[in-house]
Amino acid sequence: MSAQQPTTALPTSAALEATLRAALQPTSLEVIDESAAHAGHSGANAEGFGTHFRVRIASPRFEGQSRVARHRLVYDSLQIFIAQGLHAIAIETL
């Protein structure tokens, strides 16, 4: 009898958005899956989704924070998705 490995679903824009809304209470948020544009690049997959995302976000939590600190807040909020196949996040804080 062989043990089957559990399959991990690839991250989705909706899942990233829900996580960011809960963690950072943004006033503006856009999550775009740009994976298809990265086909053949490092970290891309054959499915064409779930690996490369762009996040545009504004949040009161960014007030008084440096750009690096704002990016760290976003990145830290999305750590759970790394094990699911998230490879790259382009972050634009507003």
Protein backbone atom coordinates (compact mmCIF):
# COMPACT_ATOMS: atom_id res chain seq x y z
CA MET A 1 0.00 0.00 0.00
CA SER A 2 1.50 3.34 -1.03
CA ALA A 3 0.82 6.59 0.73
CA GLN A 4 -0.47 9.33 -1.52
CA GLN A 5 0.97 12.78 -1.19
CA PRO A 6 -1.67 15.43 -0.52
CA THR A 7 -2.03 17.86 -3.38
CA THR A 8 -1.75 21.53 -2.58
CA ALA A 9 -3.96 23.87 -4.57
CA LEU A 10 -2.18 26.73 -6.27
CA PRO A 11 -2.77 30.19 -4.81
CA THR A 12 -5.49 32.32 -6.40
CA SER A 13 -5.98 36.06 -6.61
CA ALA A 14 -9.10 35.68 -4.46
CA ALA A 15 -7.23 33.82 -1.72
CA LEU A 16 -4.43 36.39 -1.63
CA GLU A 17 -6.98 39.20 -1.59
CA ALA A 18 -8.95 37.67 1.29
CA THR A 19 -5.77 37.19 3.32
CA LEU A 20 -4.58 40.75 2.71
CA ARG A 21 -8.01 42.18 3.57
CA ALA A 22 -8.01 40.31 6.88
CA ALA A 23 -4.42 41.18 7.78
CA LEU A 24 -4.10 44.79 6.60
CA GLN A 25 -7.66 46.19 6.29
CA PRO A 26 -6.78 47.96 3.02
CA THR A 27 -8.62 51.01 1.73
CA SER A 28 -7.65 50.00 -1.79
CA LEU A 29 -6.56 46.56 -3.04
CA GLU A 30 -5.93 44.95 -6.40
CA VAL A 31 -4.41 41.47 -6.78
CA ILE A 32 -3.45 40.43 -10.32
CA ASP A 33 -2.27 36.95 -11.33
CA GLU A 34 0.52 37.61 -13.86
CA SER A 35 1.68 33.99 -14.02
CA ALA A 36 0.83 33.46 -17.68
CA ALA A 37 3.18 36.30 -18.64
CA HIS A 38 6.05 34.44 -16.92
CA ALA A 39 5.74 31.13 -18.79
CA GLY A 40 9.17 29.57 -19.13
CA HIS A 41 10.66 31.72 -16.38
CA SER A 42 11.98 30.47 -13.06
CA GLY A 43 9.19 29.46 -10.72
CA ALA A 44 6.52 29.33 -13.44
CA ASN A 45 4.39 26.24 -13.85
CA ALA A 46 2.63 24.51 -16.73
CA GLU A 47 -0.79 25.67 -15.50
CA GLY A 48 -0.08 29.34 -16.22
CA PHE A 49 -1.52 30.61 -12.94
CA GLY A 50 -0.79 30.73 -9.21
CA THR A 51 2.92 31.56 -9.24
CA HIS A 52 3.43 35.27 -10.03
CA PHE A 53 1.22 38.03 -8.62
CA ARG A 54 1.10 41.82 -8.55
CA VAL A 55 -0.41 43.47 -5.45
CA ARG A 56 -1.46 47.12 -5.40
CA ILE A 57 -2.51 48.09 -1.92
CA ALA A 58 -3.19 51.07 0.32
CA SER A 59 -3.67 50.56 4.04
CA PRO A 60 -3.79 52.67 7.20
CA ARG A 61 -1.24 50.20 8.58
CA PHE A 62 1.33 51.74 6.20
CA GLU A 63 1.12 55.18 7.80
CA GLY A 64 4.53 56.25 9.05
CA GLN A 65 6.18 53.10 7.64
CA SER A 66 9.10 53.07 5.22
CA ARG A 67 8.65 51.47 1.80
CA VAL A 68 10.60 48.43 2.99
CA ALA A 69 8.42 48.10 6.10
CA ARG A 70 5.22 48.38 4.00
CA HIS A 71 6.47 45.68 1.62
CA ARG A 72 7.42 43.48 4.55
CA LEU A 73 3.89 43.74 5.98
CA VAL A 74 2.45 42.56 2.65
CA TYR A 75 5.03 39.82 2.16
CA ASP A 76 4.68 38.53 5.72
CA SER A 77 0.89 38.39 5.32
CA LEU A 78 1.27 36.16 2.25
CA GLN A 79 3.88 33.69 3.61
CA ILE A 80 1.33 30.88 3.84
CA PHE A 81 1.09 30.83 0.03
CA ILE A 82 4.81 30.16 -0.56
CA ALA A 83 4.36 26.44 0.18
CA GLN A 84 1.43 26.41 -2.26
CA GLY A 85 3.59 27.51 -5.19
CA LEU A 86 3.69 31.30 -4.93
CA HIS A 87 7.04 32.28 -6.48
CA ALA A 88 6.99 36.05 -6.96
CA ILE A 89 5.06 39.03 -5.65
CA ALA A 90 5.39 42.48 -7.20
CA ILE A 91 4.23 44.89 -4.51
CA GLU A 92 3.01 48.43 -5.11
CA THR A 93 2.05 50.23 -1.91
CA LEU A 94 -0.04 53.37 -2.27
